[in-house]
Structures are given as structure tokens and as C-alpha cells.
Amino acid sequence: MSGKTLTRMDLTEAVFREVGLSRNESADLVESVLQHMSDSLVRGETVKISSFGTFSVREKAARVGRNPKTGEEVPILPRRVLTFRPSHLMKDRVAAGNSERTD
């Protein structure tokens, strides 16, 4: 694993190089897309990006957990969690990338 992390700045730079918008316009575009995705998820909507994957919000019910150190039962409150399910194409691309590695 290379340890490299893709950041907003990397996305902005890619839009700048590939699309030809100015750096400020590229940053605004990336920010706008991420904001639309975030807003949709906050509203409980699913965000599906073809050939990439699906982001969705899951409602988890309250349950009783256990402190692993003491064994004491602890109530876990209901909550919303963000999940990502990669598309089959994305899974295949990642798997192919793993098999091509030679390090």
C-alpha cells in the first residue's frame, strides 16, 4: 500500500488539468459536488455514482453493548451511520490493481 491519500486539493488539481477550468473555478466545482453529496446524505437520500459506488445512510437501532474490559453492559443509543458500497466495476479495478503490484 502506497500510503497516498487523495485530497480535495488533488481533485481540484485534476479538474484544473483535465477540464481546463481555472484553479478557483475547479475548487468551486469540487466543493459544489461534495456539498451536494453531503446535503443529500444529511437528508437521508442515497448517493449513487455509476461505476464507482453507492453512499447511503443507515439507521441503527438502540442496543446493549458490553465494555470489553469490565464486562459491564452499556446502552448504545440509536444512530445514523454512513455506508459505502463499491460498484462491481470498482471492486474489479481495485482487485486488478492489487494483482499488478510487485512490491
PDB file of N, CA and C in Angstrom:
ATOM      1  N   MET A   1       0.847  -1.180   0.000  1.00  0.00           N
ATOM      2  CA  MET A   1       0.000   0.000   0.000  1.00  0.00           C
ATOM      3  C   MET A   1       0.891   1.241   0.000  1.00  0.00           C
ATOM      4  N   SER A   2       0.586   2.210  -0.840  1.00  0.00           N
ATOM      5  CA  SER A   2       1.461   3.364  -1.017  1.00  0.00           C
ATOM      6  C   SER A   2       1.343   4.383   0.099  1.00  0.00           C
ATOM      7  N   GLY A   3       0.215   4.454   0.793  1.00  0.00           N
ATOM      8  CA  GLY A   3       0.044   5.427   1.845  1.00  0.00           C
ATOM      9  C   GLY A   3      -0.413   6.787   1.348  1.00  0.00           C
ATOM     10  N   LYS A   4      -0.571   6.960   0.049  1.00  0.00           N
ATOM     11  CA  LYS A   4      -1.011   8.234  -0.533  1.00  0.00           C
ATOM     12  C   LYS A   4      -2.491   8.420  -0.270  1.00  0.00           C
ATOM     13  N   THR A   5      -2.874   9.651   0.047  1.00  0.00           N
ATOM     14  CA  THR A   5      -4.267   9.990   0.282  1.00  0.00           C
ATOM     15  C   THR A   5      -4.712  11.009  -0.746  1.00  0.00           C
ATOM     16  N   LEU A   6      -5.844  10.753  -1.387  1.00  0.00           N
ATOM     17  CA  LEU A   6      -6.412  11.692  -2.341  1.00  0.00           C
ATOM     18  C   LEU A   6      -7.167  12.761  -1.566  1.00  0.00           C
ATOM     19  N   THR A   7      -6.820  14.029  -1.799  1.00  0.00           N
ATOM     20  CA  THR A   7      -7.423  15.128  -1.064  1.00  0.00           C
ATOM     21  C   THR A   7      -8.274  15.999  -1.980  1.00  0.00           C
ATOM     22  N   ARG A   8      -8.993  16.946  -1.381  1.00  0.00           N
ATOM     23  CA  ARG A   8      -9.764  17.920  -2.158  1.00  0.00           C
ATOM     24  C   ARG A   8      -8.852  18.663  -3.118  1.00  0.00           C
ATOM     25  N   MET A   9      -7.663  19.005  -2.630  1.00  0.00           N
ATOM     26  CA  MET A   9      -6.707  19.736  -3.459  1.00  0.00           C
ATOM     27  C   MET A   9      -6.302  18.891  -4.671  1.00  0.00           C
ATOM     28  N   ASP A  10      -6.116  17.592  -4.475  1.00  0.00           N
ATOM     29  CA  ASP A  10      -5.781  16.698  -5.596  1.00  0.00           C
ATOM     30  C   ASP A  10      -6.917  16.671  -6.614  1.00  0.00           C
ATOM     31  N   LEU A  11      -8.160  16.592  -6.121  1.00  0.00           N
ATOM     32  CA  LEU A  11      -9.311  16.598  -7.023  1.00  0.00           C
ATOM     33  C   LEU A  11      -9.396  17.912  -7.782  1.00  0.00           C
ATOM     34  N   THR A  12      -9.170  19.017  -7.078  1.00  0.00           N
ATOM     35  CA  THR A  12      -9.193  20.333  -7.709  1.00  0.00           C
ATOM     36  C   THR A  12      -8.130  20.425  -8.797  1.00  0.00           C
ATOM     37  N   GLU A  13      -6.950  19.938  -8.495  1.00  0.00           N
ATOM     38  CA  GLU A  13      -5.844  19.964  -9.465  1.00  0.00           C
ATOM     39  C   GLU A  13      -6.166  19.105 -10.682  1.00  0.00           C
ATOM     40  N   ALA A  14      -6.793  17.955 -10.457  1.00  0.00           N
ATOM     41  CA  ALA A  14      -7.174  17.076 -11.566  1.00  0.00           C
ATOM     42  C   ALA A  14      -8.212  17.754 -12.455  1.00  0.00           C
ATOM     43  N   VAL A  15      -9.203  18.410 -11.867  1.00  0.00           N
ATOM     44  CA  VAL A  15     -10.208  19.134 -12.645  1.00  0.00           C
ATOM     45  C   VAL A  15      -9.533  20.256 -13.431  1.00  0.00           C
ATOM     46  N   PHE A  16      -8.621  20.967 -12.789  1.00  0.00           N
ATOM     47  CA  PHE A  16      -7.887  22.055 -13.438  1.00  0.00           C
ATOM     48  C   PHE A  16      -7.147  21.533 -14.683  1.00  0.00           C
ATOM     49  N   ARG A  17      -6.431  20.408 -14.529  1.00  0.00           N
ATOM     50  CA  ARG A  17      -5.651  19.856 -15.647  1.00  0.00           C
ATOM     51  C   ARG A  17      -6.526  19.228 -16.723  1.00  0.00           C
ATOM     52  N   GLU A  18      -7.529  18.454 -16.317  1.00  0.00           N
ATOM     53  CA  GLU A  18      -8.330  17.679 -17.269  1.00  0.00           C
ATOM     54  C   GLU A  18      -9.402  18.506 -17.965  1.00  0.00           C
ATOM     55  N   VAL A  19     -10.047  19.410 -17.238  1.00  0.00           N
ATOM     56  CA  VAL A  19     -11.194  20.141 -17.777  1.00  0.00           C
ATOM     57  C   VAL A  19     -10.777  21.503 -18.333  1.00  0.00           C
ATOM     58  N   GLY A  20      -9.766  22.088 -17.719  1.00  0.00           N
ATOM     59  CA  GLY A  20      -9.297  23.364 -18.222  1.00  0.00           C
ATOM     60  C   GLY A  20      -9.920  24.573 -17.554  1.00  0.00           C
ATOM     61  N   LEU A  21     -10.654  24.368 -16.465  1.00  0.00           N
ATOM     62  CA  LEU A  21     -11.172  25.498 -15.700  1.00  0.00           C
ATOM     63  C   LEU A  21     -10.009  26.138 -14.944  1.00  0.00           C
ATOM     64  N   SER A  22     -10.212  27.366 -14.476  1.00  0.00           N
ATOM     65  CA  SER A  22      -9.191  27.997 -13.644  1.00  0.00           C
ATOM     66  C   SER A  22      -9.102  27.227 -12.328  1.00  0.00           C
ATOM     67  N   ARG A  23      -8.047  27.479 -11.584  1.00  0.00           N
ATOM     68  CA  ARG A  23      -7.901  26.786 -10.292  1.00  0.00           C
ATOM     69  C   ARG A  23      -9.049  27.140  -9.352  1.00  0.00           C
ATOM     70  N   ASN A  24      -9.450  28.415  -9.327  1.00  0.00           N
ATOM     71  CA  ASN A  24     -10.564  28.818  -8.464  1.00  0.00           C
ATOM     72  C   ASN A  24     -11.867  28.175  -8.901  1.00  0.00           C
ATOM     73  N   GLU A  25     -12.126  28.142 -10.202  1.00  0.00           N
ATOM     74  CA  GLU A  25     -13.353  27.500 -10.705  1.00  0.00           C
ATOM     75  C   GLU A  25     -13.324  26.011 -10.422  1.00  0.00           C
ATOM     76  N   SER A  26     -12.165  25.388 -10.553  1.00  0.00           N
ATOM     77  CA  SER A  26     -12.024  23.958 -10.265  1.00  0.00           C
ATOM     78  C   SER A  26     -12.315  23.683  -8.795  1.00  0.00           C
ATOM     79  N   ALA A  27     -11.774  24.528  -7.915  1.00  0.00           N
ATOM     80  CA  ALA A  27     -12.012  24.355  -6.474  1.00  0.00           C
ATOM     81  C   ALA A  27     -13.495  24.529  -6.161  1.00  0.00           C
ATOM     82  N   ASP A  28     -14.130  25.528  -6.794  1.00  0.00           N
ATOM     83  CA  ASP A  28     -15.565  25.759  -6.581  1.00  0.00           C
ATOM     84  C   ASP A  28     -16.387  24.565  -7.058  1.00  0.00           C
ATOM     85  N   LEU A  29     -16.012  23.997  -8.193  1.00  0.00           N
ATOM     86  CA  LEU A  29     -16.730  22.845  -8.741  1.00  0.00           C
ATOM     87  C   LEU A  29     -16.614  21.643  -7.803  1.00  0.00           C
ATOM     88  N   VAL A  30     -15.411  21.335  -7.371  1.00  0.00           N
ATOM     89  CA  VAL A  30     -15.204  20.204  -6.463  1.00  0.00           C
ATOM     90  C   VAL A  30     -15.995  20.429  -5.169  1.00  0.00           C
ATOM     91  N   GLU A  31     -15.903  21.638  -4.631  1.00  0.00           N
ATOM     92  CA  GLU A  31     -16.612  21.962  -3.392  1.00  0.00           C
ATOM     93  C   GLU A  31     -18.126  21.817  -3.572  1.00  0.00           C
ATOM     94  N   SER A  32     -18.631  22.258  -4.719  1.00  0.00           N
ATOM     95  CA  SER A  32     -20.062  22.179  -5.003  1.00  0.00           C
ATOM     96  C   SER A  32     -20.536  20.723  -5.083  1.00  0.00           C
ATOM     97  N   VAL A  33     -19.771  19.884  -5.759  1.00  0.00           N
ATOM     98  CA  VAL A  33     -20.137  18.458  -5.883  1.00  0.00           C
ATOM     99  C   VAL A  33     -20.151  17.802  -4.498  1.00  0.00           C
ATOM    100  N   LEU A  34     -19.107  18.041  -3.724  1.00  0.00           N
ATOM    101  CA  LEU A  34     -19.040  17.448  -2.386  1.00  0.00           C
ATOM    102  C   LEU A  34     -20.165  17.963  -1.488  1.00  0.00           C
ATOM    103  N   GLN A  35     -20.504  19.242  -1.626  1.00  0.00           N
ATOM    104  CA  GLN A  35     -21.594  19.824  -0.835  1.00  0.00           C
ATOM    105  C   GLN A  35     -22.937  19.198  -1.213  1.00  0.00           C
ATOM    106  N   HIS A  36     -23.175  19.001  -2.512  1.00  0.00           N
ATOM    107  CA  HIS A  36     -24.420  18.362  -2.960  1.00  0.00           C
ATOM    108  C   HIS A  36     -24.517  16.948  -2.398  1.00  0.00           C
ATOM    109  N   MET A  37     -23.401  16.217  -2.442  1.00  0.00           N
ATOM    110  CA  MET A  37     -23.403  14.856  -1.918  1.00  0.00           C
ATOM    111  C   MET A  37     -23.693  14.862  -0.420  1.00  0.00           C
ATOM    112  N   SER A  38     -23.010  15.736   0.314  1.00  0.00           N
ATOM    113  CA  SER A  38     -23.204  15.819   1.769  1.00  0.00           C
ATOM    114  C   SER A  38     -24.633  16.182   2.122  1.00  0.00           C
ATOM    115  N   ASP A  39     -25.181  17.196   1.442  1.00  0.00           N
ATOM    116  CA  ASP A  39     -26.551  17.624   1.717  1.00  0.00           C
ATOM    117  C   ASP A  39     -27.547  16.499   1.489  1.00  0.00           C
ATOM    118  N   SER A  40     -27.358  15.752   0.407  1.00  0.00           N
ATOM    119  CA  SER A  40     -28.257  14.626   0.116  1.00  0.00           C
ATOM    120  C   SER A  40     -28.181  13.569   1.209  1.00  0.00           C
ATOM    121  N   LEU A  41     -26.978  13.259   1.657  1.00  0.00           N
ATOM    122  CA  LEU A  41     -26.813  12.249   2.696  1.00  0.00           C
ATOM    123  C   LEU A  41     -27.414  12.712   4.018  1.00  0.00           C
ATOM    124  N   VAL A  42     -27.265  13.992   4.344  1.00  0.00           N
ATOM    125  CA  VAL A  42     -27.863  14.532   5.574  1.00  0.00           C
ATOM    126  C   VAL A  42     -29.382  14.381   5.532  1.00  0.00           C
ATOM    127  N   ARG A  43     -29.979  14.549   4.338  1.00  0.00           N
ATOM    128  CA  ARG A  43     -31.432  14.385   4.185  1.00  0.00           C
ATOM    129  C   ARG A  43     -31.847  12.914   4.165  1.00  0.00           C
ATOM    130  N   GLY A  44     -30.883  12.012   4.232  1.00  0.00           N
ATOM    131  CA  GLY A  44     -31.188  10.580   4.242  1.00  0.00           C
ATOM    132  C   GLY A  44     -31.308   9.982   2.856  1.00  0.00           C
ATOM    133  N   GLU A  45     -30.929  10.732   1.832  1.00  0.00           N
ATOM    134  CA  GLU A  45     -31.000  10.239   0.458  1.00  0.00           C
ATOM    135  C   GLU A  45     -29.768   9.388   0.144  1.00  0.00           C
ATOM    136  N   THR A  46     -29.902   8.541  -0.853  1.00  0.00           N
ATOM    137  CA  THR A  46     -28.795   7.718  -1.326  1.00  0.00           C
ATOM    138  C   THR A  46     -28.068   8.470  -2.432  1.00  0.00           C
ATOM    139  N   VAL A  47     -26.749   8.388  -2.439  1.00  0.00           N
ATOM    140  CA  VAL A  47     -25.939   8.995  -3.496  1.00  0.00           C
ATOM    141  C   VAL A  47     -25.298   7.863  -4.281  1.00  0.00           C
ATOM    142  N   LYS A  48     -25.722   7.726  -5.536  1.00  0.00           N
ATOM    143  CA  LYS A  48     -25.242   6.634  -6.381  1.00  0.00           C
ATOM    144  C   LYS A  48     -24.431   7.226  -7.527  1.00  0.00           C
ATOM    145  N   ILE A  49     -23.169   6.829  -7.624  1.00  0.00           N
ATOM    146  CA  ILE A  49     -22.294   7.296  -8.693  1.00  0.00           C
ATOM    147  C   ILE A  49     -21.952   6.083  -9.549  1.00  0.00           C
ATOM    148  N   SER A  50     -22.448   6.101 -10.774  1.00  0.00           N
ATOM    149  CA  SER A  50     -22.294   4.974 -11.685  1.00  0.00           C
ATOM    150  C   SER A  50     -20.821   4.588 -11.836  1.00  0.00           C
ATOM    151  N   SER A  51     -20.544   3.310 -11.837  1.00  0.00           N
ATOM    152  CA  SER A  51     -19.208   2.723 -11.983  1.00  0.00           C
ATOM    153  C   SER A  51     -18.287   3.029 -10.800  1.00  0.00           C
ATOM    154  N   PHE A  52     -18.809   3.643  -9.761  1.00  0.00           N
ATOM    155  CA  PHE A  52     -17.997   3.955  -8.582  1.00  0.00           C
ATOM    156  C   PHE A  52     -18.573   3.275  -7.347  1.00  0.00           C
ATOM    157  N   GLY A  53     -19.807   3.664  -6.969  1.00  0.00           N
ATOM    158  CA  GLY A  53     -20.416   3.044  -5.809  1.00  0.00           C
ATOM    159  C   GLY A  53     -21.581   3.845  -5.280  1.00  0.00           C
ATOM    160  N   THR A  54     -22.122   3.390  -4.158  1.00  0.00           N
ATOM    161  CA  THR A  54     -23.306   3.992  -3.560  1.00  0.00           C
ATOM    162  C   THR A  54     -23.033   4.338  -2.104  1.00  0.00           C
ATOM    163  N   PHE A  55     -23.299   5.607  -1.772  1.00  0.00           N
ATOM    164  CA  PHE A  55     -23.237   6.077  -0.396  1.00  0.00           C
ATOM    165  C   PHE A  55     -24.664   6.094   0.134  1.00  0.00           C
ATOM    166  N   SER A  56     -24.862   5.599   1.340  1.00  0.00           N
ATOM    167  CA  SER A  56     -26.201   5.653   1.925  1.00  0.00           C
ATOM    168  C   SER A  56     -26.094   5.806   3.438  1.00  0.00           C
ATOM    169  N   VAL A  57     -27.204   6.245   4.017  1.00  0.00           N
ATOM    170  CA  VAL A  57     -27.278   6.431   5.462  1.00  0.00           C
ATOM    171  C   VAL A  57     -28.142   5.313   6.028  1.00  0.00           C
ATOM    172  N   ARG A  58     -27.627   4.648   7.041  1.00  0.00           N
ATOM    173  CA  ARG A  58     -28.347   3.555   7.681  1.00  0.00           C
ATOM    174  C   ARG A  58     -28.745   3.961   9.090  1.00  0.00           C
ATOM    175  N   GLU A  59     -29.951   3.638   9.456  1.00  0.00           N
ATOM    176  CA  GLU A  59     -30.426   3.891  10.821  1.00  0.00           C
ATOM    177  C   GLU A  59     -30.113   2.648  11.656  1.00  0.00           C
ATOM    178  N   LYS A  60     -29.331   2.820  12.696  1.00  0.00           N
ATOM    179  CA  LYS A  60     -29.024   1.694  13.575  1.00  0.00           C
ATOM    180  C   LYS A  60     -29.857   1.825  14.843  1.00  0.00           C
ATOM    181  N   ALA A  61     -30.453   0.749  15.241  1.00  0.00           N
ATOM    182  CA  ALA A  61     -31.324   0.743  16.412  1.00  0.00           C
ATOM    183  C   ALA A  61     -30.499   0.770  17.704  1.00  0.00           C
ATOM    184  N   ALA A  62     -31.151   1.148  18.779  1.00  0.00           N
ATOM    185  CA  ALA A  62     -30.507   1.099  20.089  1.00  0.00           C
ATOM    186  C   ALA A  62     -30.245  -0.363  20.429  1.00  0.00           C
ATOM    187  N   ARG A  63     -29.179  -0.585  21.171  1.00  0.00           N
ATOM    188  CA  ARG A  63     -28.863  -1.952  21.597  1.00  0.00           C
ATOM    189  C   ARG A  63     -28.014  -1.892  22.848  1.00  0.00           C
ATOM    190  N   VAL A  64     -27.807  -3.040  23.431  1.00  0.00           N
ATOM    191  CA  VAL A  64     -26.975  -3.116  24.623  1.00  0.00           C
ATOM    192  C   VAL A  64     -25.605  -3.621  24.195  1.00  0.00           C
ATOM    193  N   GLY A  65     -24.574  -2.852  24.533  1.00  0.00           N
ATOM    194  CA  GLY A  65     -23.203  -3.268  24.254  1.00  0.00           C
ATOM    195  C   GLY A  65     -22.540  -3.689  25.544  1.00  0.00           C
ATOM    196  N   ARG A  66     -21.293  -4.065  25.444  1.00  0.00           N
ATOM    197  CA  ARG A  66     -20.569  -4.522  26.619  1.00  0.00           C
ATOM    198  C   ARG A  66     -19.177  -3.895  26.616  1.00  0.00           C
ATOM    199  N   ASN A  67     -18.772  -3.355  27.756  1.00  0.00           N
ATOM    200  CA  ASN A  67     -17.412  -2.849  27.904  1.00  0.00           C
ATOM    201  C   ASN A  67     -16.482  -4.061  27.918  1.00  0.00           C
ATOM    202  N   PRO A  68     -15.564  -4.162  26.948  1.00  0.00           N
ATOM    203  CA  PRO A  68     -14.732  -5.368  26.862  1.00  0.00           C
ATOM    204  C   PRO A  68     -13.795  -5.542  28.066  1.00  0.00           C
ATOM    205  N   LYS A  69     -13.448  -4.442  28.703  1.00  0.00           N
ATOM    206  CA  LYS A  69     -12.534  -4.532  29.851  1.00  0.00           C
ATOM    207  C   LYS A  69     -13.238  -5.038  31.101  1.00  0.00           C
ATOM    208  N   THR A  70     -14.416  -4.458  31.377  1.00  0.00           N
ATOM    209  CA  THR A  70     -15.103  -4.767  32.636  1.00  0.00           C
ATOM    210  C   THR A  70     -16.253  -5.753  32.473  1.00  0.00           C
ATOM    211  N   GLY A  71     -16.732  -5.912  31.236  1.00  0.00           N
ATOM    212  CA  GLY A  71     -17.878  -6.775  31.018  1.00  0.00           C
ATOM    213  C   GLY A  71     -19.196  -6.093  31.342  1.00  0.00           C
ATOM    214  N   GLU A  72     -19.133  -4.841  31.768  1.00  0.00           N
ATOM    215  CA  GLU A  72     -20.328  -4.093  32.143  1.00  0.00           C
ATOM    216  C   GLU A  72     -21.182  -3.804  30.908  1.00  0.00           C
ATOM    217  N   GLU A  73     -22.488  -4.000  31.047  1.00  0.00           N
ATOM    218  CA  GLU A  73     -23.403  -3.693  29.948  1.00  0.00           C
ATOM    219  C   GLU A  73     -23.584  -2.182  29.835  1.00  0.00           C
ATOM    220  N   VAL A  74     -23.559  -1.694  28.598  1.00  0.00           N
ATOM    221  CA  VAL A  74     -23.677  -0.260  28.348  1.00  0.00           C
ATOM    222  C   VAL A  74     -24.697  -0.060  27.235  1.00  0.00           C
ATOM    223  N   PRO A  75     -25.673   0.839  27.439  1.00  0.00           N
ATOM    224  CA  PRO A  75     -26.638   1.075  26.354  1.00  0.00           C
ATOM    225  C   PRO A  75     -25.974   1.860  25.214  1.00  0.00           C
ATOM    226  N   ILE A  76     -26.225   1.440  23.982  1.00  0.00           N
ATOM    227  CA  ILE A  76     -25.747   2.154  22.789  1.00  0.00           C
ATOM    228  C   ILE A  76     -26.974   2.792  22.155  1.00  0.00           C
ATOM    229  N   LEU A  77     -26.939   4.106  22.037  1.00  0.00           N
ATOM    230  CA  LEU A  77     -28.088   4.858  21.538  1.00  0.00           C
ATOM    231  C   LEU A  77     -28.304   4.626  20.046  1.00  0.00           C
ATOM    232  N   PRO A  78     -29.534   4.823  19.561  1.00  0.00           N
ATOM    233  CA  PRO A  78     -29.772   4.709  18.121  1.00  0.00           C
ATOM    234  C   PRO A  78     -28.992   5.809  17.401  1.00  0.00           C
ATOM    235  N   ARG A  79     -28.548   5.508  16.199  1.00  0.00           N
ATOM    236  CA  ARG A  79     -27.765   6.493  15.463  1.00  0.00           C
ATOM    237  C   ARG A  79     -27.847   6.244  13.971  1.00  0.00           C
ATOM    238  N   ARG A  80     -27.401   7.244  13.229  1.00  0.00           N
ATOM    239  CA  ARG A  80     -27.322   7.145  11.767  1.00  0.00           C
ATOM    240  C   ARG A  80     -25.856   6.967  11.389  1.00  0.00           C
ATOM    241  N   VAL A  81     -25.587   6.031  10.489  1.00  0.00           N
ATOM    242  CA  VAL A  81     -24.213   5.798  10.053  1.00  0.00           C
ATOM    243  C   VAL A  81     -24.143   5.856   8.526  1.00  0.00           C
ATOM    244  N   LEU A  82     -23.020   6.338   8.033  1.00  0.00           N
ATOM    245  CA  LEU A  82     -22.784   6.440   6.605  1.00  0.00           C
ATOM    246  C   LEU A  82     -22.143   5.148   6.123  1.00  0.00           C
ATOM    247  N   THR A  83     -22.669   4.590   5.045  1.00  0.00           N
ATOM    248  CA  THR A  83     -22.090   3.377   4.476  1.00  0.00           C
ATOM    249  C   THR A  83     -21.740   3.620   3.016  1.00  0.00           C
ATOM    250  N   PHE A  84     -20.754   2.892   2.522  1.00  0.00           N
ATOM    251  CA  PHE A  84     -20.360   2.952   1.115  1.00  0.00           C
ATOM    252  C   PHE A  84     -20.296   1.541   0.582  1.00  0.00           C
ATOM    253  N   ARG A  85     -20.938   1.339  -0.554  1.00  0.00           N
ATOM    254  CA  ARG A  85     -20.901   0.037  -1.207  1.00  0.00           C
ATOM    255  C   ARG A  85     -20.316   0.247  -2.598  1.00  0.00           C
ATOM    256  N   PRO A  86     -19.098  -0.252  -2.847  1.00  0.00           N
ATOM    257  CA  PRO A  86     -18.481  -0.046  -4.158  1.00  0.00           C
ATOM    258  C   PRO A  86     -19.209  -0.829  -5.252  1.00  0.00           C
ATOM    259  N   SER A  87     -19.178  -0.287  -6.469  1.00  0.00           N
ATOM    260  CA  SER A  87     -19.791  -0.987  -7.603  1.00  0.00           C
ATOM    261  C   SER A  87     -18.916  -2.191  -7.962  1.00  0.00           C
ATOM    262  N   HIS A  88     -19.484  -3.093  -8.759  1.00  0.00           N
ATOM    263  CA  HIS A  88     -18.714  -4.259  -9.200  1.00  0.00           C
ATOM    264  C   HIS A  88     -17.513  -3.818 -10.030  1.00  0.00           C
ATOM    265  N   LEU A  89     -17.691  -2.782 -10.850  1.00  0.00           N
ATOM    266  CA  LEU A  89     -16.569  -2.278 -11.647  1.00  0.00           C
ATOM    267  C   LEU A  89     -15.452  -1.767 -10.747  1.00  0.00           C
ATOM    268  N   MET A  90     -15.804  -1.046  -9.695  1.00  0.00           N
ATOM    269  CA  MET A  90     -14.789  -0.532  -8.771  1.00  0.00           C
ATOM    270  C   MET A  90     -14.091  -1.680  -8.056  1.00  0.00           C
ATOM    271  N   LYS A  91     -14.854  -2.667  -7.613  1.00  0.00           N
ATOM    272  CA  LYS A  91     -14.257  -3.833  -6.958  1.00  0.00           C
ATOM    273  C   LYS A  91     -13.268  -4.521  -7.886  1.00  0.00           C
ATOM    274  N   ASP A  92     -13.671  -4.679  -9.158  1.00  0.00           N
ATOM    275  CA  ASP A  92     -12.796  -5.333 -10.137  1.00  0.00           C
ATOM    276  C   ASP A  92     -11.526  -4.523 -10.378  1.00  0.00           C
ATOM    277  N   ARG A  93     -11.653  -3.197 -10.481  1.00  0.00           N
ATOM    278  CA  ARG A  93     -10.487  -2.342 -10.706  1.00  0.00           C
ATOM    279  C   ARG A  93      -9.516  -2.420  -9.534  1.00  0.00           C
ATOM    280  N   VAL A  94     -10.051  -2.396  -8.324  1.00  0.00           N
ATOM    281  CA  VAL A  94      -9.193  -2.472  -7.139  1.00  0.00           C
ATOM    282  C   VAL A  94      -8.505  -3.830  -7.076  1.00  0.00           C
ATOM    283  N   ALA A  95      -9.258  -4.892  -7.341  1.00  0.00           N
ATOM    284  CA  ALA A  95      -8.680  -6.239  -7.311  1.00  0.00           C
ATOM    285  C   ALA A  95      -7.593  -6.381  -8.379  1.00  0.00           C
ATOM    286  N   ALA A  96      -7.831  -5.834  -9.573  1.00  0.00           N
ATOM    287  CA  ALA A  96      -6.830  -5.904 -10.642  1.00  0.00           C
ATOM    288  C   ALA A  96      -5.596  -5.099 -10.258  1.00  0.00           C
ATOM    289  N   GLY A  97      -5.792  -3.974  -9.592  1.00  0.00           N
ATOM    290  CA  GLY A  97      -4.654  -3.163  -9.128  1.00  0.00           C
ATOM    291  C   GLY A  97      -3.823  -3.910  -8.105  1.00  0.00           C
ATOM    292  N   ASN A  98      -4.477  -4.687  -7.252  1.00  0.00           N
ATOM    293  CA  ASN A  98      -3.760  -5.474  -6.243  1.00  0.00           C
ATOM    294  C   ASN A  98      -2.913  -6.551  -6.885  1.00  0.00           C
ATOM    295  N   SER A  99      -3.423  -7.192  -7.942  1.00  0.00           N
ATOM    296  CA  SER A  99      -2.677  -8.290  -8.565  1.00  0.00           C
ATOM    297  C   SER A  99      -1.521  -7.795  -9.412  1.00  0.00           C
ATOM    298  N   GLU A 100      -1.555  -6.509  -9.818  1.00  0.00           N
ATOM    299  CA  GLU A 100      -0.475  -5.952 -10.640  1.00  0.00           C
ATOM    300  C   GLU A 100       0.671  -5.434  -9.792  1.00  0.00           C
ATOM    301  N   ARG A 101       0.495  -5.323  -8.505  1.00  0.00           N
ATOM    302  CA  ARG A 101       1.547  -4.785  -7.627  1.00  0.00           C
ATOM    303  C   ARG A 101       2.712  -5.742  -7.549  1.00  0.00           C
ATOM    304  N   THR A 102       3.899  -5.198  -7.525  1.00  0.00           N
ATOM    305  CA  THR A 102       5.082  -6.061  -7.491  1.00  0.00           C
ATOM    306  C   THR A 102       5.983  -5.749  -6.304  1.00  0.00           C
ATOM    307  N   ASP A 103       5.502  -4.969  -5.314  1.00  0.00           N
ATOM    308  CA  ASP A 103       6.382  -4.610  -4.189  1.00  0.00           C
ATOM    309  C   ASP A 103       6.267  -5.570  -3.080  1.00  0.00           C
TER     310      ASP A 103
END
